[in-house]
Each structure stands twice: as C-alpha cells, then as structure tokens.
PDB file of N, CA and C in Angstrom:
ATOM      1  N   MET A   1       0.834  -1.198   0.000  1.00  0.00           N
ATOM      2  CA  MET A   1       0.000   0.000   0.000  1.00  0.00           C
ATOM      3  C   MET A   1       0.872   1.254   0.000  1.00  0.00           C
ATOM      4  N   LYS A   2       1.901   1.266   0.849  1.00  0.00           N
ATOM      5  CA  LYS A   2       2.765   2.448   0.897  1.00  0.00           C
ATOM      6  C   LYS A   2       3.528   2.615  -0.410  1.00  0.00           C
ATOM      7  N   ALA A   3       3.874   1.489  -1.047  1.00  0.00           N
ATOM      8  CA  ALA A   3       4.589   1.569  -2.319  1.00  0.00           C
ATOM      9  C   ALA A   3       3.708   2.232  -3.375  1.00  0.00           C
ATOM     10  N   GLN A   4       2.421   1.867  -3.391  1.00  0.00           N
ATOM     11  CA  GLN A   4       1.505   2.480  -4.355  1.00  0.00           C
ATOM     12  C   GLN A   4       1.314   3.961  -4.054  1.00  0.00           C
ATOM     13  N   SER A   5       1.203   4.296  -2.771  1.00  0.00           N
ATOM     14  CA  SER A   5       1.027   5.696  -2.395  1.00  0.00           C
ATOM     15  C   SER A   5       2.238   6.520  -2.819  1.00  0.00           C
ATOM     16  N   GLY A   6       3.420   5.986  -2.559  1.00  0.00           N
ATOM     17  CA  GLY A   6       4.636   6.699  -2.959  1.00  0.00           C
ATOM     18  C   GLY A   6       4.748   6.819  -4.469  1.00  0.00           C
ATOM     19  N   ALA A   7       4.385   5.742  -5.170  1.00  0.00           N
ATOM     20  CA  ALA A   7       4.449   5.769  -6.630  1.00  0.00           C
ATOM     21  C   ALA A   7       3.479   6.795  -7.192  1.00  0.00           C
ATOM     22  N   MET A   8       2.272   6.874  -6.619  1.00  0.00           N
ATOM     23  CA  MET A   8       1.292   7.840  -7.120  1.00  0.00           C
ATOM     24  C   MET A   8       1.717   9.276  -6.798  1.00  0.00           C
ATOM     25  N   THR A   9       2.331   9.485  -5.633  1.00  0.00           N
ATOM     26  CA  THR A   9       2.835  10.815  -5.297  1.00  0.00           C
ATOM     27  C   THR A   9       3.920  11.229  -6.281  1.00  0.00           C
ATOM     28  N   GLN A  10       4.819  10.299  -6.562  1.00  0.00           N
ATOM     29  CA  GLN A  10       5.875  10.583  -7.522  1.00  0.00           C
ATOM     30  C   GLN A  10       5.301  10.812  -8.923  1.00  0.00           C
ATOM     31  N   MET A  11       4.312  10.021  -9.304  1.00  0.00           N
ATOM     32  CA  MET A  11       3.686  10.195 -10.616  1.00  0.00           C
ATOM     33  C   MET A  11       3.015  11.564 -10.702  1.00  0.00           C
ATOM     34  N   GLY A  12       2.374  11.996  -9.627  1.00  0.00           N
ATOM     35  CA  GLY A  12       1.759  13.320  -9.617  1.00  0.00           C
ATOM     36  C   GLY A  12       2.790  14.427  -9.810  1.00  0.00           C
ATOM     37  N   ALA A  13       3.934  14.283  -9.169  1.00  0.00           N
ATOM     38  CA  ALA A  13       5.004  15.273  -9.337  1.00  0.00           C
ATOM     39  C   ALA A  13       5.503  15.279 -10.780  1.00  0.00           C
ATOM     40  N   HIS A  14       5.647  14.094 -11.351  1.00  0.00           N
ATOM     41  CA  HIS A  14       6.097  14.019 -12.742  1.00  0.00           C
ATOM     42  C   HIS A  14       5.058  14.621 -13.688  1.00  0.00           C
ATOM     43  N   LEU A  15       3.784  14.397 -13.405  1.00  0.00           N
ATOM     44  CA  LEU A  15       2.737  14.972 -14.254  1.00  0.00           C
ATOM     45  C   LEU A  15       2.724  16.497 -14.163  1.00  0.00           C
ATOM     46  N   ARG A  16       2.959  17.040 -12.966  1.00  0.00           N
ATOM     47  CA  ARG A  16       3.040  18.502 -12.833  1.00  0.00           C
ATOM     48  C   ARG A  16       4.217  19.045 -13.648  1.00  0.00           C
ATOM     49  N   ASP A  17       5.355  18.354 -13.570  1.00  0.00           N
ATOM     50  CA  ASP A  17       6.509  18.772 -14.371  1.00  0.00           C
ATOM     51  C   ASP A  17       6.197  18.698 -15.862  1.00  0.00           C
ATOM     52  N   MET A  18       5.472  17.643 -16.248  1.00  0.00           N
ATOM     53  CA  MET A  18       5.126  17.469 -17.652  1.00  0.00           C
ATOM     54  C   MET A  18       4.207  18.592 -18.131  1.00  0.00           C
ATOM     55  N   VAL A  19       3.275  19.008 -17.301  1.00  0.00           N
ATOM     56  CA  VAL A  19       2.378  20.111 -17.661  1.00  0.00           C
ATOM     57  C   VAL A  19       3.175  21.409 -17.800  1.00  0.00           C
ATOM     58  N   ASP A  20       4.126  21.635 -16.880  1.00  0.00           N
ATOM     59  CA  ASP A  20       4.969  22.827 -16.995  1.00  0.00           C
ATOM     60  C   ASP A  20       5.762  22.808 -18.298  1.00  0.00           C
ATOM     61  N   GLU A  21       6.317  21.658 -18.627  1.00  0.00           N
ATOM     62  CA  GLU A  21       7.080  21.546 -19.876  1.00  0.00           C
ATOM     63  C   GLU A  21       6.171  21.706 -21.099  1.00  0.00           C
ATOM     64  N   ALA A  22       4.941  21.219 -21.011  1.00  0.00           N
ATOM     65  CA  ALA A  22       3.994  21.389 -22.115  1.00  0.00           C
ATOM     66  C   ALA A  22       3.683  22.872 -22.322  1.00  0.00           C
ATOM     67  N   MET A  23       3.555  23.605 -21.232  1.00  0.00           N
ATOM     68  CA  MET A  23       3.308  25.046 -21.359  1.00  0.00           C
ATOM     69  C   MET A  23       4.516  25.747 -21.974  1.00  0.00           C
ATOM     70  N   ASN A  24       5.712  25.338 -21.560  1.00  0.00           N
ATOM     71  CA  ASN A  24       6.917  25.911 -22.163  1.00  0.00           C
ATOM     72  C   ASN A  24       6.996  25.572 -23.646  1.00  0.00           C
ATOM     73  N   MET A  25       6.600  24.353 -24.008  1.00  0.00           N
ATOM     74  CA  MET A  25       6.616  23.939 -25.409  1.00  0.00           C
ATOM     75  C   MET A  25       5.618  24.757 -26.219  1.00  0.00           C
ATOM     76  N   ALA A  26       4.444  24.998 -25.652  1.00  0.00           N
ATOM     77  CA  ALA A  26       3.443  25.815 -26.350  1.00  0.00           C
ATOM     78  C   ALA A  26       3.977  27.231 -26.568  1.00  0.00           C
ATOM     79  N   GLN A  27       4.657  27.770 -25.568  1.00  0.00           N
ATOM     80  CA  GLN A  27       5.247  29.103 -25.712  1.00  0.00           C
ATOM     81  C   GLN A  27       6.332  29.096 -26.778  1.00  0.00           C
ATOM     82  N   LEU A  28       7.130  28.027 -26.820  1.00  0.00           N
ATOM     83  CA  LEU A  28       8.173  27.903 -27.836  1.00  0.00           C
ATOM     84  C   LEU A  28       7.575  27.868 -29.236  1.00  0.00           C
ATOM     85  N   VAL A  29       6.505  27.114 -29.412  1.00  0.00           N
ATOM     86  CA  VAL A  29       5.858  27.028 -30.726  1.00  0.00           C
ATOM     87  C   VAL A  29       5.317  28.393 -31.133  1.00  0.00           C
ATOM     88  N   PHE A  30       4.670  29.068 -30.197  1.00  0.00           N
ATOM     89  CA  PHE A  30       4.127  30.398 -30.497  1.00  0.00           C
ATOM     90  C   PHE A  30       5.245  31.363 -30.869  1.00  0.00           C
ATOM     91  N   ASP A  31       6.322  31.382 -30.074  1.00  0.00           N
ATOM     92  CA  ASP A  31       7.443  32.277 -30.360  1.00  0.00           C
ATOM     93  C   ASP A  31       8.104  31.941 -31.689  1.00  0.00           C
ATOM     94  N   THR A  32       8.202  30.653 -32.005  1.00  0.00           N
ATOM     95  CA  THR A  32       8.803  30.239 -33.275  1.00  0.00           C
ATOM     96  C   THR A  32       7.971  30.714 -34.458  1.00  0.00           C
ATOM     97  N   VAL A  33       6.668  30.548 -34.371  1.00  0.00           N
ATOM     98  CA  VAL A  33       5.793  31.009 -35.462  1.00  0.00           C
ATOM     99  C   VAL A  33       5.874  32.523 -35.609  1.00  0.00           C
ATOM    100  N   LYS A  34       5.880  33.216 -34.489  1.00  0.00           N
ATOM    101  CA  LYS A  34       5.976  34.679 -34.523  1.00  0.00           C
ATOM    102  C   LYS A  34       7.305  35.125 -35.139  1.00  0.00           C
ATOM    103  N   PHE A  35       8.396  34.465 -34.742  1.00  0.00           N
ATOM    104  CA  PHE A  35       9.700  34.796 -35.289  1.00  0.00           C
ATOM    105  C   PHE A  35       9.768  34.453 -36.774  1.00  0.00           C
ATOM    106  N   PHE A  36       9.185  33.313 -37.146  1.00  0.00           N
ATOM    107  CA  PHE A  36       9.153  32.889 -38.546  1.00  0.00           C
ATOM    108  C   PHE A  36       8.455  33.932 -39.406  1.00  0.00           C
ATOM    109  N   VAL A  37       7.332  34.419 -38.941  1.00  0.00           N
ATOM    110  CA  VAL A  37       6.578  35.438 -39.699  1.00  0.00           C
ATOM    111  C   VAL A  37       7.393  36.719 -39.815  1.00  0.00           C
ATOM    112  N   SER A  38       8.070  37.129 -38.743  1.00  0.00           N
ATOM    113  CA  SER A  38       8.861  38.360 -38.821  1.00  0.00           C
ATOM    114  C   SER A  38      10.076  38.198 -39.734  1.00  0.00           C
ATOM    115  N   VAL A  39      10.698  37.009 -39.713  1.00  0.00           N
ATOM    116  CA  VAL A  39      11.841  36.766 -40.607  1.00  0.00           C
ATOM    117  C   VAL A  39      11.393  36.778 -42.062  1.00  0.00           C
ATOM    118  N   ILE A  40      10.280  36.127 -42.344  1.00  0.00           N
ATOM    119  CA  ILE A  40       9.771  36.097 -43.727  1.00  0.00           C
ATOM    120  C   ILE A  40       9.371  37.499 -44.180  1.00  0.00           C
ATOM    121  N   SER A  41       8.715  38.263 -43.327  1.00  0.00           N
ATOM    122  CA  SER A  41       8.309  39.616 -43.736  1.00  0.00           C
ATOM    123  C   SER A  41       9.527  40.514 -43.941  1.00  0.00           C
ATOM    124  N   ALA A  42      10.578  40.326 -43.135  1.00  0.00           N
ATOM    125  CA  ALA A  42      11.803  41.106 -43.339  1.00  0.00           C
ATOM    126  C   ALA A  42      12.454  40.719 -44.664  1.00  0.00           C
ATOM    127  N   GLY A  43      12.486  39.426 -44.959  1.00  0.00           N
ATOM    128  CA  GLY A  43      13.042  38.974 -46.236  1.00  0.00           C
ATOM    129  C   GLY A  43      12.238  39.484 -47.412  1.00  0.00           C
ATOM    130  N   TRP A  44      10.931  39.498 -47.259  1.00  0.00           N
ATOM    131  CA  TRP A  44      10.061  39.979 -48.330  1.00  0.00           C
ATOM    132  C   TRP A  44      10.285  41.467 -48.580  1.00  0.00           C
ATOM    133  N   THR A  45      10.583  42.221 -47.530  1.00  0.00           N
ATOM    134  CA  THR A  45      10.866  43.644 -47.664  1.00  0.00           C
ATOM    135  C   THR A  45      12.119  43.866 -48.498  1.00  0.00           C
ATOM    136  N   TYR A  46      13.136  43.043 -48.250  1.00  0.00           N
ATOM    137  CA  TYR A  46      14.377  43.153 -49.027  1.00  0.00           C
ATOM    138  C   TYR A  46      14.193  42.757 -50.493  1.00  0.00           C
ATOM    139  N   ALA A  47      13.181  41.970 -50.800  1.00  0.00           N
ATOM    140  CA  ALA A  47      13.004  41.441 -52.150  1.00  0.00           C
ATOM    141  C   ALA A  47      12.823  42.534 -53.199  1.00  0.00           C
ATOM    142  N   SER A  48      12.418  43.708 -52.805  1.00  0.00           N
ATOM    143  CA  SER A  48      12.205  44.784 -53.779  1.00  0.00           C
ATOM    144  C   SER A  48      13.519  45.390 -54.277  1.00  0.00           C
ATOM    145  N   ILE A  49      14.620  45.117 -53.593  1.00  0.00           N
ATOM    146  CA  ILE A  49      15.931  45.627 -54.014  1.00  0.00           C
ATOM    147  C   ILE A  49      16.498  44.657 -55.057  1.00  0.00           C
ATOM    148  N   PRO A  50      16.827  45.131 -56.250  1.00  0.00           N
ATOM    149  CA  PRO A  50      17.336  44.215 -57.294  1.00  0.00           C
ATOM    150  C   PRO A  50      18.614  43.492 -56.853  1.00  0.00           C
ATOM    151  N   LEU A  51      18.727  42.253 -57.237  1.00  0.00           N
ATOM    152  CA  LEU A  51      19.843  41.345 -56.975  1.00  0.00           C
ATOM    153  C   LEU A  51      20.101  41.125 -55.479  1.00  0.00           C
ATOM    154  N   TYR A  52      20.545  42.161 -54.778  1.00  0.00           N
ATOM    155  CA  TYR A  52      20.824  41.986 -53.349  1.00  0.00           C
ATOM    156  C   TYR A  52      19.572  41.555 -52.602  1.00  0.00           C
ATOM    157  N   GLY A  53      18.448  42.148 -52.926  1.00  0.00           N
ATOM    158  CA  GLY A  53      17.198  41.820 -52.253  1.00  0.00           C
ATOM    159  C   GLY A  53      16.773  40.386 -52.497  1.00  0.00           C
ATOM    160  N   GLN A  54      16.900  39.924 -53.741  1.00  0.00           N
ATOM    161  CA  GLN A  54      16.542  38.539 -54.038  1.00  0.00           C
ATOM    162  C   GLN A  54      17.485  37.573 -53.314  1.00  0.00           C
ATOM    163  N   TRP A  55      18.781  37.908 -53.280  1.00  0.00           N
ATOM    164  CA  TRP A  55      19.741  37.063 -52.567  1.00  0.00           C
ATOM    165  C   TRP A  55      19.404  37.029 -51.074  1.00  0.00           C
ATOM    166  N   LYS A  56      19.073  38.182 -50.533  1.00  0.00           N
ATOM    167  CA  LYS A  56      18.716  38.274 -49.106  1.00  0.00           C
ATOM    168  C   LYS A  56      17.432  37.495 -48.820  1.00  0.00           C
ATOM    169  N   LEU A  57      16.473  37.543 -49.739  1.00  0.00           N
ATOM    170  CA  LEU A  57      15.229  36.797 -49.564  1.00  0.00           C
ATOM    171  C   LEU A  57      15.503  35.299 -49.533  1.00  0.00           C
ATOM    172  N   VAL A  58      16.318  34.813 -50.449  1.00  0.00           N
ATOM    173  CA  VAL A  58      16.652  33.383 -50.482  1.00  0.00           C
ATOM    174  C   VAL A  58      17.379  32.987 -49.198  1.00  0.00           C
ATOM    175  N   LYS A  59      18.305  33.822 -48.768  1.00  0.00           N
ATOM    176  CA  LYS A  59      19.036  33.538 -47.522  1.00  0.00           C
ATOM    177  C   LYS A  59      18.071  33.516 -46.329  1.00  0.00           C
ATOM    178  N   THR A  60      17.151  34.442 -46.295  1.00  0.00           N
ATOM    179  CA  THR A  60      16.170  34.501 -45.211  1.00  0.00           C
ATOM    180  C   THR A  60      15.257  33.274 -45.222  1.00  0.00           C
ATOM    181  N   LEU A  61      14.825  32.863 -46.406  1.00  0.00           N
ATOM    182  CA  LEU A  61      13.988  31.667 -46.500  1.00  0.00           C
ATOM    183  C   LEU A  61      14.743  30.430 -46.032  1.00  0.00           C
ATOM    184  N   LYS A  62      16.029  30.351 -46.349  1.00  0.00           N
ATOM    185  CA  LYS A  62      16.853  29.227 -45.904  1.00  0.00           C
ATOM    186  C   LYS A  62      16.960  29.221 -44.374  1.00  0.00           C
ATOM    187  N   GLU A  63      17.188  30.383 -43.768  1.00  0.00           N
ATOM    188  CA  GLU A  63      17.259  30.486 -42.310  1.00  0.00           C
ATOM    189  C   GLU A  63      15.920  30.105 -41.669  1.00  0.00           C
ATOM    190  N   ALA A  64      14.842  30.551 -42.276  1.00  0.00           N
ATOM    191  CA  ALA A  64      13.514  30.226 -41.744  1.00  0.00           C
ATOM    192  C   ALA A  64      13.258  28.728 -41.828  1.00  0.00           C
ATOM    193  N   TRP A  65      13.696  28.093 -42.918  1.00  0.00           N
ATOM    194  CA  TRP A  65      13.530  26.645 -43.072  1.00  0.00           C
ATOM    195  C   TRP A  65      14.298  25.896 -41.977  1.00  0.00           C
ATOM    196  N   HIS A  66      15.523  26.335 -41.683  1.00  0.00           N
ATOM    197  CA  HIS A  66      16.306  25.712 -40.611  1.00  0.00           C
ATOM    198  C   HIS A  66      15.632  25.915 -39.251  1.00  0.00           C
ATOM    199  N   LEU A  67      15.076  27.086 -39.054  1.00  0.00           N
ATOM    200  CA  LEU A  67      14.371  27.374 -37.800  1.00  0.00           C
ATOM    201  C   LEU A  67      13.177  26.438 -37.621  1.00  0.00           C
ATOM    202  N   ILE A  68      12.413  26.252 -38.664  1.00  0.00           N
ATOM    203  CA  ILE A  68      11.245  25.369 -38.596  1.00  0.00           C
ATOM    204  C   ILE A  68      11.682  23.921 -38.358  1.00  0.00           C
ATOM    205  N   ASN A  69      12.743  23.492 -39.025  1.00  0.00           N
ATOM    206  CA  ASN A  69      13.234  22.120 -38.819  1.00  0.00           C
ATOM    207  C   ASN A  69      13.717  21.902 -37.388  1.00  0.00           C
ATOM    208  N   ASN A  70      14.417  22.885 -36.825  1.00  0.00           N
ATOM    209  CA  ASN A  70      14.874  22.761 -35.439  1.00  0.00           C
ATOM    210  C   ASN A  70      13.695  22.710 -34.477  1.00  0.00           C
ATOM    211  N   ALA A  71      12.694  23.528 -34.719  1.00  0.00           N
ATOM    212  CA  ALA A  71      11.498  23.511 -33.866  1.00  0.00           C
ATOM    213  C   ALA A  71      10.777  22.172 -33.995  1.00  0.00           C
ATOM    214  N   ARG A  72      10.729  21.627 -35.200  1.00  0.00           N
ATOM    215  CA  ARG A  72      10.094  20.327 -35.413  1.00  0.00           C
ATOM    216  C   ARG A  72      10.819  19.229 -34.636  1.00  0.00           C
ATOM    217  N   LYS A  73      12.141  19.294 -34.599  1.00  0.00           N
ATOM    218  CA  LYS A  73      12.920  18.312 -33.847  1.00  0.00           C
ATOM    219  C   LYS A  73      12.614  18.389 -32.355  1.00  0.00           C
ATOM    220  N   VAL A  74      12.544  19.605 -31.833  1.00  0.00           N
ATOM    221  CA  VAL A  74      12.247  19.784 -30.407  1.00  0.00           C
ATOM    222  C   VAL A  74      10.850  19.258 -30.086  1.00  0.00           C
ATOM    223  N   ILE A  75       9.898  19.554 -30.937  1.00  0.00           N
ATOM    224  CA  ILE A  75       8.525  19.082 -30.730  1.00  0.00           C
ATOM    225  C   ILE A  75       8.477  17.560 -30.821  1.00  0.00           C
ATOM    226  N   SER A  76       9.235  16.987 -31.725  1.00  0.00           N
ATOM    227  CA  SER A  76       9.287  15.529 -31.868  1.00  0.00           C
ATOM    228  C   SER A  76       9.838  14.861 -30.610  1.00  0.00           C
ATOM    229  N   VAL A  77      10.899  15.431 -30.042  1.00  0.00           N
ATOM    230  CA  VAL A  77      11.464  14.883 -28.803  1.00  0.00           C
ATOM    231  C   VAL A  77      10.446  14.993 -27.672  1.00  0.00           C
ATOM    232  N   PHE A  78       9.762  16.124 -27.580  1.00  0.00           N
ATOM    233  CA  PHE A  78       8.763  16.288 -26.523  1.00  0.00           C
ATOM    234  C   PHE A  78       7.610  15.306 -26.715  1.00  0.00           C
ATOM    235  N   TRP A  79       7.206  15.073 -27.949  1.00  0.00           N
ATOM    236  CA  TRP A  79       6.129  14.122 -28.229  1.00  0.00           C
ATOM    237  C   TRP A  79       6.541  12.710 -27.797  1.00  0.00           C
ATOM    238  N   SER A  80       7.799  12.365 -28.049  1.00  0.00           N
ATOM    239  CA  SER A  80       8.304  11.058 -27.614  1.00  0.00           C
ATOM    240  C   SER A  80       8.272  10.951 -26.089  1.00  0.00           C
ATOM    241  N   PHE A  81       8.637  12.033 -25.420  1.00  0.00           N
ATOM    242  CA  PHE A  81       8.586  12.059 -23.960  1.00  0.00           C
ATOM    243  C   PHE A  81       7.160  11.856 -23.468  1.00  0.00           C
ATOM    244  N   LEU A  82       6.204  12.502 -24.118  1.00  0.00           N
ATOM    245  CA  LEU A  82       4.806  12.321 -23.718  1.00  0.00           C
ATOM    246  C   LEU A  82       4.370  10.864 -23.895  1.00  0.00           C
ATOM    247  N   ASN A  83       4.815  10.224 -24.972  1.00  0.00           N
ATOM    248  CA  ASN A  83       4.471   8.818 -25.180  1.00  0.00           C
ATOM    249  C   ASN A  83       5.099   7.919 -24.122  1.00  0.00           C
ATOM    250  N   VAL A  84       6.315   8.232 -23.691  1.00  0.00           N
ATOM    251  CA  VAL A  84       6.951   7.459 -22.613  1.00  0.00           C
ATOM    252  C   VAL A  84       6.160   7.618 -21.319  1.00  0.00           C
ATOM    253  N   MET A  85       5.759   8.850 -21.015  1.00  0.00           N
ATOM    254  CA  MET A  85       4.975   9.081 -19.795  1.00  0.00           C
ATOM    255  C   MET A  85       3.633   8.350 -19.872  1.00  0.00           C
ATOM    256  N   LYS A  86       3.026   8.320 -21.026  1.00  0.00           N
ATOM    257  CA  LYS A  86       1.761   7.601 -21.207  1.00  0.00           C
ATOM    258  C   LYS A  86       1.969   6.114 -20.925  1.00  0.00           C
ATOM    259  N   GLY A  87       3.064   5.558 -21.417  1.00  0.00           N
ATOM    260  CA  GLY A  87       3.381   4.155 -21.146  1.00  0.00           C
ATOM    261  C   GLY A  87       3.616   3.896 -19.668  1.00  0.00           C
ATOM    262  N   CYS A  88       4.275   4.827 -18.999  1.00  0.00           N
ATOM    263  CA  CYS A  88       4.495   4.680 -17.546  1.00  0.00           C
ATOM    264  C   CYS A  88       3.178   4.700 -16.783  1.00  0.00           C
ATOM    265  N   ILE A  89       2.291   5.578 -17.170  1.00  0.00           N
ATOM    266  CA  ILE A  89       0.989   5.654 -16.496  1.00  0.00           C
ATOM    267  C   ILE A  89       0.210   4.366 -16.725  1.00  0.00           C
ATOM    268  N   LYS A  90       0.237   3.846 -17.963  1.00  0.00           N
ATOM    269  CA  LYS A  90      -0.448   2.580 -18.227  1.00  0.00           C
ATOM    270  C   LYS A  90       0.148   1.461 -17.391  1.00  0.00           C
ATOM    271  N   GLY A  91       1.474   1.425 -17.267  1.00  0.00           N
ATOM    272  CA  GLY A  91       2.130   0.405 -16.448  1.00  0.00           C
ATOM    273  C   GLY A  91       1.767   0.539 -14.987  1.00  0.00           C
ATOM    274  N   LEU A  92       1.634   1.769 -14.524  1.00  0.00           N
ATOM    275  CA  LEU A  92       1.255   1.992 -13.129  1.00  0.00           C
ATOM    276  C   LEU A  92      -0.176   1.548 -12.877  1.00  0.00           C
ATOM    277  N   VAL A  93      -1.074   1.798 -13.817  1.00  0.00           N
ATOM    278  CA  VAL A  93      -2.463   1.388 -13.669  1.00  0.00           C
ATOM    279  C   VAL A  93      -2.555  -0.132 -13.609  1.00  0.00           C
ATOM    280  N   ILE A  94      -1.755  -0.805 -14.429  1.00  0.00           N
ATOM    281  CA  ILE A  94      -1.769  -2.267 -14.435  1.00  0.00           C
ATOM    282  C   ILE A  94      -1.309  -2.829 -13.084  1.00  0.00           C
ATOM    283  N   SER A  95      -0.444  -2.067 -12.388  1.00  0.00           N
ATOM    284  CA  SER A  95       0.087  -2.565 -11.114  1.00  0.00           C
ATOM    285  C   SER A  95      -0.962  -2.568 -10.004  1.00  0.00           C
ATOM    286  N   PHE A  96      -2.067  -1.872 -10.191  1.00  0.00           N
ATOM    287  CA  PHE A  96      -3.122  -1.893  -9.179  1.00  0.00           C
ATOM    288  C   PHE A  96      -3.929  -3.182  -9.317  1.00  0.00           C
ATOM    289  N   THR A  97      -3.886  -3.984  -8.306  1.00  0.00           N
ATOM    290  CA  THR A  97      -4.659  -5.225  -8.294  1.00  0.00           C
ATOM    291  C   THR A  97      -5.511  -5.265  -7.045  1.00  0.00           C
ATOM    292  N   ILE A  98      -6.455  -6.177  -7.028  1.00  0.00           N
ATOM    293  CA  ILE A  98      -7.347  -6.310  -5.882  1.00  0.00           C
ATOM    294  C   ILE A  98      -6.584  -6.771  -4.639  1.00  0.00           C
ATOM    295  N   ASP A  99      -5.468  -7.495  -4.866  1.00  0.00           N
ATOM    296  CA  ASP A  99      -4.668  -7.968  -3.735  1.00  0.00           C
ATOM    297  C   ASP A  99      -3.952  -6.840  -3.021  1.00  0.00           C
ATOM    298  N   ASP A 100      -3.695  -5.749  -3.719  1.00  0.00           N
ATOM    299  CA  ASP A 100      -2.959  -4.640  -3.115  1.00  0.00           C
ATOM    300  C   ASP A 100      -3.855  -3.662  -2.359  1.00  0.00           C
ATOM    301  N   LEU A 101      -5.147  -3.882  -2.402  1.00  0.00           N
ATOM    302  CA  LEU A 101      -6.063  -3.001  -1.669  1.00  0.00           C
ATOM    303  C   LEU A 101      -5.964  -3.279  -0.164  1.00  0.00           C
ATOM    304  N   PRO A 102      -6.239  -2.292   0.656  1.00  0.00           N
ATOM    305  CA  PRO A 102      -6.208  -2.518   2.105  1.00  0.00           C
ATOM    306  C   PRO A 102      -7.333  -3.472   2.520  1.00  0.00           C
ATOM    307  N   ALA A 103      -7.144  -4.060   3.669  1.00  0.00           N
ATOM    308  CA  ALA A 103      -8.144  -5.020   4.167  1.00  0.00           C
ATOM    309  C   ALA A 103      -9.470  -4.302   4.455  1.00  0.00           C
ATOM    310  N   THR A 104     -10.542  -5.051   4.352  1.00  0.00           N
ATOM    311  CA  THR A 104     -11.869  -4.495   4.644  1.00  0.00           C
ATOM    312  C   THR A 104     -11.953  -4.188   6.134  1.00  0.00           C
ATOM    313  N   PRO A 105     -12.441  -2.997   6.479  1.00  0.00           N
ATOM    314  CA  PRO A 105     -12.544  -2.652   7.899  1.00  0.00           C
ATOM    315  C   PRO A 105     -13.588  -3.540   8.588  1.00  0.00           C
ATOM    316  N   THR A 106     -13.291  -3.873   9.803  1.00  0.00           N
ATOM    317  CA  THR A 106     -14.237  -4.693  10.579  1.00  0.00           C
ATOM    318  C   THR A 106     -14.929  -3.811  11.609  1.00  0.00           C
ATOM    319  N   ALA A 107     -16.137  -4.191  11.947  1.00  0.00           N
ATOM    320  CA  ALA A 107     -16.911  -3.424  12.920  1.00  0.00           C
ATOM    321  C   ALA A 107     -16.340  -3.705  14.311  1.00  0.00           C
ATOM    322  N   PRO A 108     -16.298  -2.697  15.183  1.00  0.00           N
ATOM    323  CA  PRO A 108     -15.765  -2.901  16.538  1.00  0.00           C
ATOM    324  C   PRO A 108     -16.653  -3.731  17.428  1.00  0.00           C
TER     325      PRO A 108
END
C-alpha cells in the first residue's frame, strides 16, 4: 500500500513537471511562429531591391527553413517524452490489483 502511495505521489510530481514543460513547449511554438513570420516579412521587404534583395530573400527563407526544422525536432522529442509518460501511467495502472487493496474494515 505504501509503495503504491509513494508511486502515485511521484507520478503526480512528474505529471506537474510534464504540464509545466507542455506550457513551455506551447510558448516555444508560439514564439517560433511569430519569429518565422517576422523573418519572412523582413526577407520579403528586401526582395524589392534588385539582386541583393533577391539574394537576401533566399538567404532569409533558408534560415527560416532551418528554424522550422529545429522547432520540429524539439517538438518531436517532446512528443516522444509524452508517449513514454503515457506508457508509464499505463504500467502503473496495471500494477493496481485487488490484492494490493487494504483489508476491509471490521466493525468494533
């Protein structure tokens, strides 16, 4: 019984950490999209300048592509972490059996 209580307390702490990390990930995605839009709009502004502007636009698009790929990698790692936590929770649920329940209280 104490082992289950300790495991559930620890699982609760891990879930709180996971929620905090999920919020940080959501902020990262939002900031990445915002930065992506500003980089693209800056590159588009340069596009009106002959030759240099087109070169700058291509360079900006390349940087934006790398930014999106890096963000995708981070999101992929976080998604894998969420799947691991889901597996741990399923394993913990399986560990609850009728034998591990406390004894039925008896009347005095």
